[in-house]
Amino acid sequence: MIPGDPPPYLYRGPSILARFIFFALLSLLLLFVDTRYQHLEKLRAGIATALYPLQQLARWPRVAAQEVDAYFASKKALEEQNTALSLSLLDQRHLVQEAQTEQQENVRLRELLQLKERTPRSTHTVEMLYDTRDPFVQKITVDKGQAQGIKESSAVLDSYGVIGQVTHVSLFTSEVTLLVEKNHTTPVQVERTGMRSVLYGMGVGVPLELRFVSPAADVKVGDRLVTSGLGKVYPSGLVVATVTAIDNDAEQSFVHITATPAAGVASSRYLLVVDAMEPTPTESAPAEPVEKSKGKSRSPGNRRAS
C-alpha cells in the first residue's frame, strides 16, 4: 500500500511561509533599489537581449501567417492590375490602329482630291462596298450609280493609278471590273518611250501581260505603263502598271512582257470615277456635198433639156 504522507525530504529547509516572506521582502528591496538608484538597467537590458530570440521565435508563426496572407493578397492584386492593364492596352492598340487607318484614308482622300483637280473630265468620289464572292471574277461594287451620274465605261482610279473600269450601272450602285480580270484590256503606252500597246488582265494572282510587242521594241524592266488615251475611256497619262519581267524568246514572234498594277486594285476604300468621253455623234455634214454635187449635175442636165 502506497503511503499517503509525503516523503520526509520535502519537509527539509524553511517553511513555505518563511520562504514567501523572504522572497516578498527581496522583491520589495529590489523594487526600491531599482526605483531609487536604477542599478538594474544593465541587468534588465541583458535579460531582454537574452530573451529576444525566444520572443522572435514565439512571434514567428504569426508573422509567417501574415506574410503568407500579404503575399497572396498582393499577387492577386497584381494579377487583377495586370489584367486591367492588358485590356486597356488592347483598347489603346485598337484606337491607335483606327487612328492610323483614318490617317491613311485621309492621305489617300487628299491625293484623290488632287487627282480630281488635275483631271479635266467630270469625276465622282465613290466608296467600295464589297467585292464579288466569285474568286474567279475580279469585280467590286461601289456606292453610287445612275442616280449620282455614274456612267458605264468610266475609268476608276485610286490615289496610285488605274484600278479598272465601270462595266455595269444600276440606280444606286455600280460594278467595276478590275485590271486583273482575265482578258480585260487597257490601252497603255510606255511612259519613257511613248510606245503604245494593250495591257491584258490574266486573273487573280497572275501578273498583267503586255501583248503583241515586237522584240525590237524599247521596253525595259521598271518602265511605267500609263494610259494612252486611245478609245477615249481613260484620260491619257494615268499610271497603270510597272514592267516587272521581259522574256525575249527568239522562237516567238512577240516578246512576253509582264507587269504589276500600280494601284491597290481591290484594297483601296475610296475611289475616283472619271467619266468616259462622250462619243462624237455621226453628223450628216459629209453627205451634203454629195447632194450638192447631185444638184449641180441635175441643173446642167435640165438646162440641156431646156
C-alpha atoms as a PDB file:
ATOM      1  CA  MET A   1       0.000   0.000   0.000  1.00  0.00           C
ATOM      2  CA  ILE A   2       1.337   3.421  -1.016  1.00  0.00           C
ATOM      3  CA  PRO A   3       1.695   5.795   1.967  1.00  0.00           C
ATOM      4  CA  GLY A   4      -0.393   8.980   1.776  1.00  0.00           C
ATOM      5  CA  ASP A   5       2.091  11.209   3.512  1.00  0.00           C
ATOM      6  CA  PRO A   6       4.843  12.984   1.516  1.00  0.00           C
ATOM      7  CA  PRO A   7       8.400  11.771   1.882  1.00  0.00           C
ATOM      8  CA  PRO A   8      10.470  13.254   4.672  1.00  0.00           C
ATOM      9  CA  TYR A   9      12.909  15.165   2.357  1.00  0.00           C
ATOM     10  CA  LEU A  10      10.104  17.525   1.266  1.00  0.00           C
ATOM     11  CA  TYR A  11       9.970  18.912   4.827  1.00  0.00           C
ATOM     12  CA  ARG A  12      13.637  19.929   4.885  1.00  0.00           C
ATOM     13  CA  GLY A  13      14.540  23.676   4.913  1.00  0.00           C
ATOM     14  CA  PRO A  14      12.442  26.711   5.868  1.00  0.00           C
ATOM     15  CA  SER A  15       8.738  26.528   5.806  1.00  0.00           C
ATOM     16  CA  ILE A  16       6.642  27.744   2.929  1.00  0.00           C
ATOM     17  CA  LEU A  17       5.509  30.830   4.847  1.00  0.00           C
ATOM     18  CA  ALA A  18       9.086  31.772   5.665  1.00  0.00           C
ATOM     19  CA  ARG A  19      10.134  31.438   2.049  1.00  0.00           C
ATOM     20  CA  PHE A  20       7.182  33.558   0.912  1.00  0.00           C
ATOM     21  CA  ILE A  21       8.055  36.320   3.354  1.00  0.00           C
ATOM     22  CA  PHE A  22      11.705  36.185   2.277  1.00  0.00           C
ATOM     23  CA  PHE A  23      11.019  36.491  -1.425  1.00  0.00           C
ATOM     24  CA  ALA A  24       8.388  39.185  -0.837  1.00  0.00           C
ATOM     25  CA  LEU A  25      10.860  41.275   1.082  1.00  0.00           C
ATOM     26  CA  LEU A  26      13.531  40.621  -1.555  1.00  0.00           C
ATOM     27  CA  SER A  27      11.139  41.817  -4.294  1.00  0.00           C
ATOM     28  CA  LEU A  28      10.316  44.974  -2.357  1.00  0.00           C
ATOM     29  CA  LEU A  29      14.030  45.612  -1.831  1.00  0.00           C
ATOM     30  CA  LEU A  30      14.804  45.163  -5.493  1.00  0.00           C
ATOM     31  CA  LEU A  31      11.959  47.465  -6.445  1.00  0.00           C
ATOM     32  CA  PHE A  32      13.228  50.112  -4.056  1.00  0.00           C
ATOM     33  CA  VAL A  33      16.791  49.829  -5.304  1.00  0.00           C
ATOM     34  CA  ASP A  34      15.719  49.887  -8.945  1.00  0.00           C
ATOM     35  CA  THR A  35      13.491  52.890  -8.411  1.00  0.00           C
ATOM     36  CA  ARG A  36      15.878  54.870  -6.266  1.00  0.00           C
ATOM     37  CA  TYR A  37      19.277  54.068  -7.704  1.00  0.00           C
ATOM     38  CA  GLN A  38      18.464  52.460 -11.164  1.00  0.00           C
ATOM     39  CA  HIS A  39      21.263  49.925 -10.802  1.00  0.00           C
ATOM     40  CA  LEU A  40      19.329  47.133 -12.515  1.00  0.00           C
ATOM     41  CA  GLU A  41      19.060  48.722 -16.001  1.00  0.00           C
ATOM     42  CA  LYS A  42      22.051  46.851 -17.290  1.00  0.00           C
ATOM     43  CA  LEU A  43      20.703  43.622 -15.855  1.00  0.00           C
ATOM     44  CA  ARG A  44      17.319  44.249 -17.430  1.00  0.00           C
ATOM     45  CA  ALA A  45      18.927  45.046 -20.790  1.00  0.00           C
ATOM     46  CA  GLY A  46      20.956  41.866 -20.648  1.00  0.00           C
ATOM     47  CA  ILE A  47      17.919  39.749 -19.802  1.00  0.00           C
ATOM     48  CA  ALA A  48      15.938  41.437 -22.639  1.00  0.00           C
ATOM     49  CA  THR A  49      18.751  40.705 -25.035  1.00  0.00           C
ATOM     50  CA  ALA A  50      18.870  37.087 -23.953  1.00  0.00           C
ATOM     51  CA  LEU A  51      15.112  36.745 -24.275  1.00  0.00           C
ATOM     52  CA  TYR A  52      14.893  38.471 -27.693  1.00  0.00           C
ATOM     53  CA  PRO A  53      15.453  35.274 -29.754  1.00  0.00           C
ATOM     54  CA  LEU A  54      12.819  33.491 -27.717  1.00  0.00           C
ATOM     55  CA  GLN A  55      10.396  36.377 -28.329  1.00  0.00           C
ATOM     56  CA  GLN A  56      11.034  36.315 -32.073  1.00  0.00           C
ATOM     57  CA  LEU A  57      10.658  32.557 -32.107  1.00  0.00           C
ATOM     58  CA  ALA A  58       7.344  32.879 -30.332  1.00  0.00           C
ATOM     59  CA  ARG A  59       6.201  35.571 -32.831  1.00  0.00           C
ATOM     60  CA  TRP A  60       7.375  33.667 -35.927  1.00  0.00           C
ATOM     61  CA  PRO A  61       4.143  31.661 -36.608  1.00  0.00           C
ATOM     62  CA  ARG A  62       2.019  34.806 -36.549  1.00  0.00           C
ATOM     63  CA  VAL A  63       4.471  36.798 -38.675  1.00  0.00           C
ATOM     64  CA  ALA A  64       4.743  33.919 -41.153  1.00  0.00           C
ATOM     65  CA  ALA A  65       0.956  33.709 -41.434  1.00  0.00           C
ATOM     66  CA  GLN A  66       0.746  37.473 -42.033  1.00  0.00           C
ATOM     67  CA  GLU A  67       3.486  37.323 -44.665  1.00  0.00           C
ATOM     68  CA  VAL A  68       1.765  34.478 -46.493  1.00  0.00           C
ATOM     69  CA  ASP A  69      -1.557  36.362 -46.471  1.00  0.00           C
ATOM     70  CA  ALA A  70       0.132  39.526 -47.706  1.00  0.00           C
ATOM     71  CA  TYR A  71       1.932  37.589 -50.471  1.00  0.00           C
ATOM     72  CA  PHE A  72      -1.217  36.010 -51.861  1.00  0.00           C
ATOM     73  CA  ALA A  73      -3.172  39.258 -51.484  1.00  0.00           C
ATOM     74  CA  SER A  74      -0.513  41.229 -53.351  1.00  0.00           C
ATOM     75  CA  LYS A  75      -0.245  38.518 -56.002  1.00  0.00           C
ATOM     76  CA  LYS A  76      -3.996  38.606 -56.600  1.00  0.00           C
ATOM     77  CA  ALA A  77      -3.949  42.397 -56.730  1.00  0.00           C
ATOM     78  CA  LEU A  78      -1.072  42.332 -59.229  1.00  0.00           C
ATOM     79  CA  GLU A  79      -2.875  39.782 -61.384  1.00  0.00           C
ATOM     80  CA  GLU A  80      -6.025  41.914 -61.410  1.00  0.00           C
ATOM     81  CA  GLN A  81      -3.978  45.007 -62.188  1.00  0.00           C
ATOM     82  CA  ASN A  82      -2.123  43.152 -64.957  1.00  0.00           C
ATOM     83  CA  THR A  83      -5.418  42.006 -66.477  1.00  0.00           C
ATOM     84  CA  ALA A  84      -6.817  45.537 -66.353  1.00  0.00           C
ATOM     85  CA  LEU A  85      -3.650  46.943 -67.951  1.00  0.00           C
ATOM     86  CA  SER A  86      -3.740  44.283 -70.679  1.00  0.00           C
ATOM     87  CA  LEU A  87      -7.349  45.143 -71.524  1.00  0.00           C
ATOM     88  CA  SER A  88      -6.504  48.833 -71.504  1.00  0.00           C
ATOM     89  CA  LEU A  89      -3.526  48.160 -73.776  1.00  0.00           C
ATOM     90  CA  LEU A  90      -5.750  46.271 -76.205  1.00  0.00           C
ATOM     91  CA  ASP A  91      -8.169  49.184 -76.280  1.00  0.00           C
ATOM     92  CA  GLN A  92      -5.327  51.609 -76.846  1.00  0.00           C
ATOM     93  CA  ARG A  93      -3.920  49.473 -79.655  1.00  0.00           C
ATOM     94  CA  HIS A  94      -7.349  49.337 -81.248  1.00  0.00           C
ATOM     95  CA  LEU A  95      -7.638  53.117 -81.052  1.00  0.00           C
ATOM     96  CA  VAL A  96      -4.123  53.548 -82.450  1.00  0.00           C
ATOM     97  CA  GLN A  97      -4.896  51.215 -85.355  1.00  0.00           C
ATOM     98  CA  GLU A  98      -8.119  53.091 -86.072  1.00  0.00           C
ATOM     99  CA  ALA A  99      -6.242  56.393 -85.968  1.00  0.00           C
ATOM    100  CA  GLN A 100      -3.566  55.070 -88.328  1.00  0.00           C
ATOM    101  CA  THR A 101      -6.229  53.733 -90.695  1.00  0.00           C
ATOM    102  CA  GLU A 102      -8.077  57.047 -90.673  1.00  0.00           C
ATOM    103  CA  GLN A 103      -4.820  58.904 -91.243  1.00  0.00           C
ATOM    104  CA  GLN A 104      -4.009  56.718 -94.238  1.00  0.00           C
ATOM    105  CA  GLU A 105      -7.523  57.189 -95.600  1.00  0.00           C
ATOM    106  CA  ASN A 106      -7.198  60.950 -95.173  1.00  0.00           C
ATOM    107  CA  VAL A 107      -3.921  60.914 -97.067  1.00  0.00           C
ATOM    108  CA  ARG A 108      -5.493  58.914 -99.897  1.00  0.00           C
ATOM    109  CA  LEU A 109      -8.517  61.207 -99.964  1.00  0.00           C
ATOM    110  CA  ARG A 110      -6.232  64.225-100.290  1.00  0.00           C
ATOM    111  CA  GLU A 111      -4.399  62.520-103.134  1.00  0.00           C
ATOM    112  CA  LEU A 112      -7.731  61.734-104.803  1.00  0.00           C
ATOM    113  CA  LEU A 113      -8.772  65.375-104.469  1.00  0.00           C
ATOM    114  CA  GLN A 114      -5.513  66.476-106.053  1.00  0.00           C
ATOM    115  CA  LEU A 115      -6.034  63.947-108.838  1.00  0.00           C
ATOM    116  CA  LYS A 116      -9.597  65.194-109.257  1.00  0.00           C
ATOM    117  CA  GLU A 117      -8.339  68.760-109.701  1.00  0.00           C
ATOM    118  CA  ARG A 118      -5.870  67.639-112.368  1.00  0.00           C
ATOM    119  CA  THR A 119      -8.474  65.663-114.334  1.00  0.00           C
ATOM    120  CA  PRO A 120     -10.311  67.738-116.964  1.00  0.00           C
ATOM    121  CA  ARG A 121     -13.301  65.370-117.130  1.00  0.00           C
ATOM    122  CA  SER A 122     -16.236  65.017-114.740  1.00  0.00           C
ATOM    123  CA  THR A 123     -15.353  62.924-111.695  1.00  0.00           C
ATOM    124  CA  HIS A 124     -17.179  61.243-108.794  1.00  0.00           C
ATOM    125  CA  THR A 125     -15.740  60.143-105.468  1.00  0.00           C
ATOM    126  CA  VAL A 126     -17.113  56.719-104.521  1.00  0.00           C
ATOM    127  CA  GLU A 127     -16.615  54.203-101.743  1.00  0.00           C
ATOM    128  CA  MET A 128     -16.098  50.496-102.296  1.00  0.00           C
ATOM    129  CA  LEU A 129     -18.901  48.462-100.732  1.00  0.00           C
ATOM    130  CA  TYR A 130     -17.751  44.892-101.351  1.00  0.00           C
ATOM    131  CA  ASP A 131     -16.077  42.672-103.890  1.00  0.00           C
ATOM    132  CA  THR A 132     -17.563  39.720-105.692  1.00  0.00           C
ATOM    133  CA  ARG A 133     -17.865  36.390-103.923  1.00  0.00           C
ATOM    134  CA  ASP A 134     -16.718  34.529-107.003  1.00  0.00           C
ATOM    135  CA  PRO A 135     -12.923  34.065-106.695  1.00  0.00           C
ATOM    136  CA  PHE A 136     -12.630  33.766-110.470  1.00  0.00           C
ATOM    137  CA  VAL A 137     -14.287  37.134-111.194  1.00  0.00           C
ATOM    138  CA  GLN A 138     -12.337  40.261-110.282  1.00  0.00           C
ATOM    139  CA  LYS A 139     -15.031  42.867-109.745  1.00  0.00           C
ATOM    140  CA  ILE A 140     -16.085  45.240-106.983  1.00  0.00           C
ATOM    141  CA  THR A 141     -19.240  47.216-106.214  1.00  0.00           C
ATOM    142  CA  VAL A 142     -19.225  50.943-105.337  1.00  0.00           C
ATOM    143  CA  ASP A 143     -21.862  53.028-103.597  1.00  0.00           C
ATOM    144  CA  LYS A 144     -23.001  55.279-106.479  1.00  0.00           C
ATOM    145  CA  GLY A 145     -24.969  54.604-109.657  1.00  0.00           C
ATOM    146  CA  GLN A 146     -27.192  56.257-112.236  1.00  0.00           C
ATOM    147  CA  ALA A 147     -28.836  58.482-109.636  1.00  0.00           C
ATOM    148  CA  GLN A 148     -25.419  60.056-108.917  1.00  0.00           C
ATOM    149  CA  GLY A 149     -24.397  60.347-112.571  1.00  0.00           C
ATOM    150  CA  ILE A 150     -22.150  57.291-112.896  1.00  0.00           C
ATOM    151  CA  LYS A 151     -21.843  56.044-116.486  1.00  0.00           C
ATOM    152  CA  GLU A 152     -20.651  52.807-117.989  1.00  0.00           C
ATOM    153  CA  SER A 153     -17.115  52.610-119.412  1.00  0.00           C
ATOM    154  CA  SER A 154     -15.902  55.247-116.930  1.00  0.00           C
ATOM    155  CA  ALA A 155     -12.382  54.836-115.601  1.00  0.00           C
ATOM    156  CA  VAL A 156     -11.913  54.069-111.896  1.00  0.00           C
ATOM    157  CA  LEU A 157      -8.782  55.259-110.086  1.00  0.00           C
ATOM    158  CA  ASP A 158      -7.287  55.304-106.641  1.00  0.00           C
ATOM    159  CA  SER A 159      -4.502  57.557-105.400  1.00  0.00           C
ATOM    160  CA  TYR A 160      -1.852  55.358-107.072  1.00  0.00           C
ATOM    161  CA  GLY A 161      -3.370  54.837-110.504  1.00  0.00           C
ATOM    162  CA  VAL A 162      -5.996  52.998-112.538  1.00  0.00           C
ATOM    163  CA  ILE A 163      -7.753  50.043-110.895  1.00  0.00           C
ATOM    164  CA  GLY A 164     -10.400  49.237-113.506  1.00  0.00           C
ATOM    165  CA  GLN A 165     -13.473  50.329-115.444  1.00  0.00           C
ATOM    166  CA  VAL A 166     -17.210  50.658-114.727  1.00  0.00           C
ATOM    167  CA  THR A 167     -18.936  47.830-116.591  1.00  0.00           C
ATOM    168  CA  HIS A 168     -22.442  47.857-115.108  1.00  0.00           C
ATOM    169  CA  VAL A 169     -24.501  50.653-113.572  1.00  0.00           C
ATOM    170  CA  SER A 170     -27.694  50.267-111.548  1.00  0.00           C
ATOM    171  CA  LEU A 171     -29.730  53.004-109.887  1.00  0.00           C
ATOM    172  CA  PHE A 172     -27.679  53.379-106.688  1.00  0.00           C
ATOM    173  CA  THR A 173     -24.621  51.136-107.175  1.00  0.00           C
ATOM    174  CA  SER A 174     -22.120  50.355-109.895  1.00  0.00           C
ATOM    175  CA  GLU A 175     -19.964  47.364-110.763  1.00  0.00           C
ATOM    176  CA  VAL A 176     -16.294  47.884-111.528  1.00  0.00           C
ATOM    177  CA  THR A 177     -14.212  45.339-113.439  1.00  0.00           C
ATOM    178  CA  LEU A 178     -10.625  45.364-112.200  1.00  0.00           C
ATOM    179  CA  LEU A 179      -7.490  45.457-114.313  1.00  0.00           C
ATOM    180  CA  VAL A 180      -6.586  41.929-113.279  1.00  0.00           C
ATOM    181  CA  GLU A 181      -9.836  40.436-114.615  1.00  0.00           C
ATOM    182  CA  LYS A 182      -8.953  37.796-117.194  1.00  0.00           C
ATOM    183  CA  ASN A 183      -8.763  39.246-120.733  1.00  0.00           C
ATOM    184  CA  HIS A 184      -9.732  42.736-119.566  1.00  0.00           C
ATOM    185  CA  THR A 185      -7.889  45.166-121.853  1.00  0.00           C
ATOM    186  CA  THR A 186      -6.418  48.570-121.133  1.00  0.00           C
ATOM    187  CA  PRO A 187      -4.778  50.739-123.807  1.00  0.00           C
ATOM    188  CA  VAL A 188      -1.397  51.837-122.472  1.00  0.00           C
ATOM    189  CA  GLN A 189       1.886  53.305-123.565  1.00  0.00           C
ATOM    190  CA  VAL A 190       5.400  53.133-122.167  1.00  0.00           C
ATOM    191  CA  GLU A 191       5.950  56.408-120.347  1.00  0.00           C
ATOM    192  CA  ARG A 192       9.651  56.539-121.205  1.00  0.00           C
ATOM    193  CA  THR A 193       9.366  55.970-124.958  1.00  0.00           C
ATOM    194  CA  GLY A 194       5.702  56.580-125.780  1.00  0.00           C
ATOM    195  CA  MET A 195       5.303  53.143-127.399  1.00  0.00           C
ATOM    196  CA  ARG A 196       1.624  52.124-127.429  1.00  0.00           C
ATOM    197  CA  SER A 197       0.255  48.683-126.687  1.00  0.00           C
ATOM    198  CA  VAL A 198      -2.580  46.871-124.917  1.00  0.00           C
ATOM    199  CA  LEU A 199      -2.370  45.517-121.373  1.00  0.00           C
ATOM    200  CA  TYR A 200      -4.318  42.333-120.622  1.00  0.00           C
ATOM    201  CA  GLY A 201      -5.539  41.053-117.295  1.00  0.00           C
ATOM    202  CA  MET A 202      -4.662  37.418-116.543  1.00  0.00           C
ATOM    203  CA  GLY A 203      -6.741  36.674-113.451  1.00  0.00           C
ATOM    204  CA  VAL A 204      -6.159  36.786-109.711  1.00  0.00           C
ATOM    205  CA  GLY A 205      -2.601  36.215-108.559  1.00  0.00           C
ATOM    206  CA  VAL A 206      -1.195  36.429-112.121  1.00  0.00           C
ATOM    207  CA  PRO A 207       0.746  39.466-113.408  1.00  0.00           C
ATOM    208  CA  LEU A 208      -0.677  41.610-116.173  1.00  0.00           C
ATOM    209  CA  GLU A 209       0.538  40.883-119.679  1.00  0.00           C
ATOM    210  CA  LEU A 210       1.648  43.292-122.379  1.00  0.00           C
ATOM    211  CA  ARG A 211       0.930  41.549-125.671  1.00  0.00           C
ATOM    212  CA  PHE A 212       1.940  41.942-129.287  1.00  0.00           C
ATOM    213  CA  VAL A 213       5.202  43.745-128.599  1.00  0.00           C
ATOM    214  CA  SER A 214       7.991  43.403-131.138  1.00  0.00           C
ATOM    215  CA  PRO A 215      11.340  42.012-129.967  1.00  0.00           C
ATOM    216  CA  ALA A 216      12.933  45.207-131.257  1.00  0.00           C
ATOM    217  CA  ALA A 217      10.738  47.436-129.057  1.00  0.00           C
ATOM    218  CA  ASP A 218      12.471  49.586-126.462  1.00  0.00           C
ATOM    219  CA  VAL A 219      10.934  48.241-123.240  1.00  0.00           C
ATOM    220  CA  LYS A 220      12.869  47.727-120.018  1.00  0.00           C
ATOM    221  CA  VAL A 221      12.120  46.259-116.615  1.00  0.00           C
ATOM    222  CA  GLY A 222      10.937  49.072-114.361  1.00  0.00           C
ATOM    223  CA  ASP A 223       9.252  51.081-117.135  1.00  0.00           C
ATOM    224  CA  ARG A 224       5.955  52.608-116.120  1.00  0.00           C
ATOM    225  CA  LEU A 225       2.901  51.961-118.243  1.00  0.00           C
ATOM    226  CA  VAL A 226       0.396  54.812-118.440  1.00  0.00           C
ATOM    227  CA  THR A 227      -2.914  55.173-120.227  1.00  0.00           C
ATOM    228  CA  SER A 228      -2.536  56.180-123.852  1.00  0.00           C
ATOM    229  CA  GLY A 229      -5.929  57.863-124.160  1.00  0.00           C
ATOM    230  CA  LEU A 230      -6.954  55.741-127.156  1.00  0.00           C
ATOM    231  CA  GLY A 231     -10.633  54.839-127.154  1.00  0.00           C
ATOM    232  CA  LYS A 232     -11.365  57.941-125.036  1.00  0.00           C
ATOM    233  CA  VAL A 233     -12.223  55.783-121.997  1.00  0.00           C
ATOM    234  CA  TYR A 234      -9.175  56.615-119.900  1.00  0.00           C
ATOM    235  CA  PRO A 235      -7.594  60.063-119.807  1.00  0.00           C
ATOM    236  CA  SER A 236      -4.045  59.879-121.074  1.00  0.00           C
ATOM    237  CA  GLY A 237      -1.126  59.781-118.678  1.00  0.00           C
ATOM    238  CA  LEU A 238      -2.691  57.831-115.783  1.00  0.00           C
ATOM    239  CA  VAL A 239      -0.356  55.319-114.140  1.00  0.00           C
ATOM    240  CA  VAL A 240      -1.443  51.721-114.763  1.00  0.00           C
ATOM    241  CA  ALA A 241       1.402  49.289-114.064  1.00  0.00           C
ATOM    242  CA  THR A 242       5.138  48.731-113.896  1.00  0.00           C
ATOM    243  CA  VAL A 243       7.034  46.282-116.112  1.00  0.00           C
ATOM    244  CA  THR A 244       8.440  43.500-113.937  1.00  0.00           C
ATOM    245  CA  ALA A 245       9.725  40.860-116.395  1.00  0.00           C
ATOM    246  CA  ILE A 246      10.636  40.553-120.094  1.00  0.00           C
ATOM    247  CA  ASP A 247      11.003  37.170-121.798  1.00  0.00           C
ATOM    248  CA  ASN A 248      12.529  37.621-125.245  1.00  0.00           C
ATOM    249  CA  ASP A 249      12.351  34.185-126.833  1.00  0.00           C
ATOM    250  CA  ALA A 250      13.937  34.053-130.269  1.00  0.00           C
ATOM    251  CA  GLU A 251      11.447  31.400-131.408  1.00  0.00           C
ATOM    252  CA  GLN A 252       8.453  33.644-130.619  1.00  0.00           C
ATOM    253  CA  SER A 253       7.205  36.437-132.841  1.00  0.00           C
ATOM    254  CA  PHE A 254       6.476  38.730-129.897  1.00  0.00           C
ATOM    255  CA  VAL A 255       8.115  39.461-126.553  1.00  0.00           C
ATOM    256  CA  HIS A 256       6.390  38.166-123.438  1.00  0.00           C
ATOM    257  CA  ILE A 257       6.180  41.111-121.028  1.00  0.00           C
ATOM    258  CA  THR A 258       4.533  41.019-117.585  1.00  0.00           C
ATOM    259  CA  ALA A 259       3.669  43.938-115.313  1.00  0.00           C
ATOM    260  CA  THR A 260       2.358  44.613-111.813  1.00  0.00           C
ATOM    261  CA  PRO A 261      -0.538  47.028-111.200  1.00  0.00           C
ATOM    262  CA  ALA A 262       0.474  50.304-109.631  1.00  0.00           C
ATOM    263  CA  ALA A 263      -2.873  50.801-107.880  1.00  0.00           C
ATOM    264  CA  GLY A 264      -4.213  48.930-104.890  1.00  0.00           C
ATOM    265  CA  VAL A 265      -6.750  47.159-107.145  1.00  0.00           C
ATOM    266  CA  ALA A 266      -9.215  45.828-104.520  1.00  0.00           C
ATOM    267  CA  SER A 267      -7.514  47.214-101.383  1.00  0.00           C
ATOM    268  CA  SER A 268      -8.492  50.885-101.708  1.00  0.00           C
ATOM    269  CA  ARG A 269     -11.646  52.033 -99.940  1.00  0.00           C
ATOM    270  CA  TYR A 270     -12.227  55.396-101.623  1.00  0.00           C
ATOM    271  CA  LEU A 271     -12.017  55.651-105.393  1.00  0.00           C
ATOM    272  CA  LEU A 272     -12.395  58.241-108.133  1.00  0.00           C
ATOM    273  CA  VAL A 273     -14.641  57.595-111.143  1.00  0.00           C
ATOM    274  CA  VAL A 274     -13.658  59.588-114.234  1.00  0.00           C
ATOM    275  CA  ASP A 275     -16.372  59.831-116.873  1.00  0.00           C
ATOM    276  CA  ALA A 276     -15.539  58.429-120.274  1.00  0.00           C
ATOM    277  CA  MET A 277     -15.523  60.957-123.071  1.00  0.00           C
ATOM    278  CA  GLU A 278     -18.855  61.047-124.888  1.00  0.00           C
ATOM    279  CA  PRO A 279     -18.628  59.599-128.421  1.00  0.00           C
ATOM    280  CA  THR A 280     -18.983  62.187-131.108  1.00  0.00           C
ATOM    281  CA  PRO A 281     -22.377  61.743-132.834  1.00  0.00           C
ATOM    282  CA  THR A 282     -22.348  60.897-136.525  1.00  0.00           C
ATOM    283  CA  GLU A 283     -23.011  64.041-138.425  1.00  0.00           C
ATOM    284  CA  SER A 284     -24.724  64.309-141.786  1.00  0.00           C
ATOM    285  CA  ALA A 285     -22.421  67.096-142.968  1.00  0.00           C
ATOM    286  CA  PRO A 286     -20.291  64.862-145.212  1.00  0.00           C
ATOM    287  CA  ALA A 287     -23.380  63.888-147.186  1.00  0.00           C
ATOM    288  CA  GLU A 288     -24.218  67.486-148.057  1.00  0.00           C
ATOM    289  CA  PRO A 289     -21.515  67.921-150.678  1.00  0.00           C
ATOM    290  CA  VAL A 290     -22.788  64.794-152.399  1.00  0.00           C
ATOM    291  CA  GLU A 291     -26.312  66.185-152.574  1.00  0.00           C
ATOM    292  CA  LYS A 292     -24.991  69.487-153.831  1.00  0.00           C
ATOM    293  CA  SER A 293     -22.970  67.726-156.440  1.00  0.00           C
ATOM    294  CA  LYS A 294     -26.059  65.807-157.463  1.00  0.00           C
ATOM    295  CA  GLY A 295     -27.983  69.021-157.606  1.00  0.00           C
ATOM    296  CA  LYS A 296     -25.297  70.611-159.755  1.00  0.00           C
ATOM    297  CA  SER A 297     -25.274  67.653-162.092  1.00  0.00           C
ATOM    298  CA  ARG A 298     -29.015  67.831-162.476  1.00  0.00           C
ATOM    299  CA  SER A 299     -29.121  71.505-163.191  1.00  0.00           C
ATOM    300  CA  PRO A 300     -26.871  71.344-166.200  1.00  0.00           C
ATOM    301  CA  GLY A 301     -28.871  68.396-167.425  1.00  0.00           C
ATOM    302  CA  ASN A 302     -32.050  70.348-167.081  1.00  0.00           C
ATOM    303  CA  ARG A 303     -30.511  73.235-168.877  1.00  0.00           C
ATOM    304  CA  ARG A 304     -29.557  70.891-171.653  1.00  0.00           C
ATOM    305  CA  ALA A 305     -33.095  69.582-171.765  1.00  0.00           C
ATOM    306  CA  SER A 306     -34.417  73.058-171.980  1.00  0.00           C
END
